Protein backbone atom coordinates (compact mmCIF):
# COMPACT_ATOMS: atom_id res chain seq x y z
CA MET A 1 0.36 -8.47 18.40
CA ILE A 2 3.91 -9.28 17.11
CA ASP A 3 5.91 -7.15 14.92
CA TYR A 4 8.09 -8.84 12.59
CA GLY A 5 11.09 -7.07 10.93
CA MET A 6 12.41 -8.74 7.68
CA ASP A 7 13.54 -8.16 4.26
CA LEU A 8 10.44 -9.08 2.11
CA ARG A 9 12.66 -10.12 -0.87
CA PHE A 10 13.86 -13.20 0.94
CA PRO A 11 11.87 -16.48 2.24
CA PHE A 12 10.26 -15.83 5.56
CA LYS A 13 11.87 -17.66 8.42
CA ILE A 14 8.51 -17.98 10.00
CA GLU A 15 6.54 -21.39 10.30
CA SER A 16 3.98 -22.26 7.95
CA ASN A 17 0.27 -21.86 8.83
CA SER A 18 1.04 -19.99 12.09
CA ILE A 19 0.11 -16.36 11.62
CA ASN A 20 -3.33 -14.93 12.38
CA GLY A 21 -3.20 -11.89 10.37
CA ILE A 22 -0.84 -9.73 8.37
CA PHE A 23 -0.64 -5.91 8.24
CA SER A 24 1.35 -3.92 5.73
CA GLU A 25 1.27 -0.33 5.21
CA HIS A 26 3.04 1.71 2.55
CA THR A 27 5.53 -1.27 1.92
CA PHE A 28 4.71 -3.07 -0.94
CA GLU A 29 5.45 -0.11 -3.32
CA HIS A 30 9.17 -0.41 -2.39
CA LEU A 31 9.13 -3.86 -4.04
CA SER A 32 9.29 -4.84 -7.65
CA HIS A 33 6.04 -6.56 -8.92
CA LEU A 34 8.13 -9.85 -8.80
CA GLU A 35 9.27 -9.35 -5.34
CA VAL A 36 5.65 -8.40 -4.25
CA ASP A 37 4.46 -11.67 -5.87
CA ASN A 38 7.07 -13.58 -3.96
CA ALA A 39 6.40 -11.93 -0.69
CA LEU A 40 2.67 -12.34 -1.06
CA SER A 41 3.27 -15.95 -1.61
CA GLU A 42 5.11 -16.45 1.56
CA CYS A 43 2.57 -14.35 3.33
CA TYR A 44 -0.06 -16.97 2.15
CA ARG A 45 2.18 -19.83 3.36
CA ILE A 46 2.46 -18.50 6.97
CA LEU A 47 -1.11 -17.37 7.34
CA LYS A 48 -3.40 -19.80 9.18
CA ALA A 49 -6.51 -20.92 7.35
CA GLU A 50 -9.16 -18.08 7.06
CA ALA A 51 -6.58 -15.51 8.23
CA LYS A 52 -6.60 -12.11 6.58
CA ILE A 53 -4.01 -9.88 5.21
CA ARG A 54 -4.44 -6.07 4.94
CA ILE A 55 -2.54 -3.94 2.57
CA ILE A 56 -2.18 -0.19 2.11
CA VAL A 57 -0.20 1.37 -0.55
CA PRO A 58 -0.44 4.55 -2.55
CA ASP A 59 -3.19 4.17 -5.09
CA LEU A 60 -1.84 5.80 -8.14
CA SER A 61 -5.08 5.69 -9.91
CA ILE A 62 -6.39 8.51 -7.44
CA PHE A 63 -3.63 10.83 -8.94
CA ILE A 64 -4.41 9.97 -12.52
CA GLU A 65 -8.11 10.42 -12.12
CA ARG A 66 -7.36 13.77 -10.46
CA TYR A 67 -4.83 14.68 -13.04
CA CYS A 68 -7.28 13.98 -15.95
CA SER A 69 -10.08 16.02 -14.40
CA ASN A 70 -7.69 18.88 -13.73
CA ASP A 71 -8.35 18.81 -9.94
CA ASP A 72 -6.33 21.49 -8.90
CA LEU A 73 -7.59 21.84 -5.49
CA TRP A 74 -6.95 18.27 -4.62
CA PHE A 75 -3.39 18.61 -5.88
CA GLN A 76 -3.02 21.80 -3.65
CA ASN A 77 -4.24 19.64 -0.74
CA TRP A 78 -1.69 16.99 -1.72
CA HIS A 79 0.96 19.59 -1.79
CA ASP A 80 0.03 21.26 1.50
CA LEU A 81 -0.09 17.82 3.30
CA VAL A 82 3.02 16.14 1.67
CA LEU A 83 5.35 18.94 1.12
CA LYS A 84 4.80 20.41 4.77
CA ASP A 85 7.58 18.11 6.07
CA PRO A 86 10.69 20.54 6.25
CA SER A 87 12.80 17.93 4.68
CA ARG A 88 10.67 18.18 1.64
CA HIS A 89 10.75 21.99 1.35
CA TYR A 90 13.16 21.97 -1.52
CA MET A 91 10.68 20.07 -3.55
CA LYS A 92 8.21 22.96 -3.60
CA LYS A 93 9.97 24.49 -6.21
CA TYR A 94 9.32 21.50 -8.58
CA PHE A 95 5.69 21.16 -7.79
CA THR A 96 3.25 20.47 -10.53
CA LYS A 97 0.45 17.94 -10.87
CA MET A 98 2.79 15.91 -12.72
CA PHE A 99 5.55 16.26 -9.90
CA ALA A 100 3.02 14.83 -7.42
CA ILE A 101 2.50 11.72 -9.82
CA ASN A 102 6.25 11.44 -10.15
CA PHE A 103 6.73 11.71 -6.45
CA THR A 104 4.21 9.00 -5.66
CA ALA A 105 5.57 6.52 -8.42
CA SER A 106 9.14 6.85 -7.82
CA TYR A 107 10.54 8.75 -4.61
CA TYR A 108 11.73 7.13 -1.43
CA SER A 109 12.81 4.00 -3.64
CA HIS A 110 9.42 3.20 -4.83
CA LYS A 111 9.63 0.46 -7.31
CA SER A 112 5.88 -0.54 -8.21
CA CYS A 113 2.58 1.27 -8.48
CA TRP A 114 -0.65 0.13 -7.47
CA ASP A 115 -4.40 0.43 -7.79
CA ILE A 116 -7.40 -1.97 -7.07
CA GLU A 117 -7.15 -3.97 -10.12
CA SER A 118 -3.47 -4.67 -9.84
CA LEU A 119 -3.96 -5.56 -6.12
CA GLU A 120 -6.82 -8.01 -6.67
CA LYS A 121 -4.94 -9.65 -9.44
CA VAL A 122 -1.75 -10.12 -7.33
CA LEU A 123 -3.56 -11.33 -4.42
CA SER A 124 -5.83 -13.78 -6.31
CA SER A 125 -2.92 -15.03 -8.05
CA ASN A 126 -1.34 -16.07 -4.78
CA GLY A 127 -4.47 -17.96 -3.53
CA PHE A 128 -6.14 -15.10 -1.70
CA VAL A 129 -10.04 -14.86 -1.77
CA ASN A 130 -12.59 -12.30 -0.49
CA ILE A 131 -10.60 -9.48 -1.73
CA LYS A 132 -12.09 -6.31 -1.00
CA LYS A 133 -11.46 -2.64 -1.11
CA CYS A 134 -11.75 -0.99 2.35
CA ASN A 135 -11.89 2.49 3.69
CA TYR A 136 -9.57 3.96 6.16
CA ASN A 137 -9.90 2.15 9.45
CA GLU A 138 -12.54 -0.08 8.42
CA GLY A 139 -12.18 -3.88 7.79
CA THR A 140 -10.82 -6.70 9.98
CA ASN A 141 -10.73 -5.30 13.62
CA GLU A 142 -7.48 -6.93 14.58
CA LEU A 143 -5.91 -5.42 11.51
CA LEU A 144 -6.91 -1.72 11.84
CA ILE A 145 -3.92 -0.26 12.77
CA ASP A 146 -3.91 2.20 9.85
CA SER A 147 -1.67 5.17 10.17
CA ASP A 148 -3.76 8.40 11.03
CA SER A 149 -1.46 10.41 8.76
CA GLU A 150 -3.68 12.77 6.54
CA ASP A 151 -1.36 12.52 3.52
CA ARG A 152 -1.67 8.84 3.67
CA LYS A 153 -5.41 8.76 4.11
CA LEU A 154 -5.43 11.03 0.92
CA VAL A 155 -3.44 8.67 -1.49
CA SER A 156 -3.87 5.32 0.05
CA ILE A 157 -5.86 2.33 -1.23
CA TYR A 158 -6.93 -0.27 1.74
CA VAL A 159 -7.29 -3.82 0.58
CA GLU A 160 -7.84 -7.06 2.44
CA GLY A 161 -7.82 -10.61 1.25
CA GLN A 162 -8.11 -14.03 2.99
CA LYS A 163 -6.39 -17.42 3.00
CA ILE A 164 -8.76 -20.26 2.42
């Protein structure tokens, strides 16, 4: 396995059709939709035929569904997991269900929000096929390096797509 560090907003300095698989966890939400579109175009270019990409991002639809169903227990669980980090203790005074949504949508330089529909659309518009929603640590074996962080498991969507 090779880890690459790069700025995804710019063309990748990687040869076309040379990569066996791509794993990205909690990255694309830090890019605008246009930047994600460009990055996925580059991902498609560098992947070998039939190779897969695995993308994990916060799924804002989870928050919206829990908000609309007034699921206080779920939000309390989110609070306990996410705000336990000592650097986030000051945020506890702001906590409401809407704060949790706002935190997920805009804190830490988040620029975009995702759900299965939007991920399917951006992946398919960049040529990916066999797009499927997966569960935590389920999917293509060589790409199963999901973080075991409980707060990420609670809020994440796991999606895989394949280059033809």
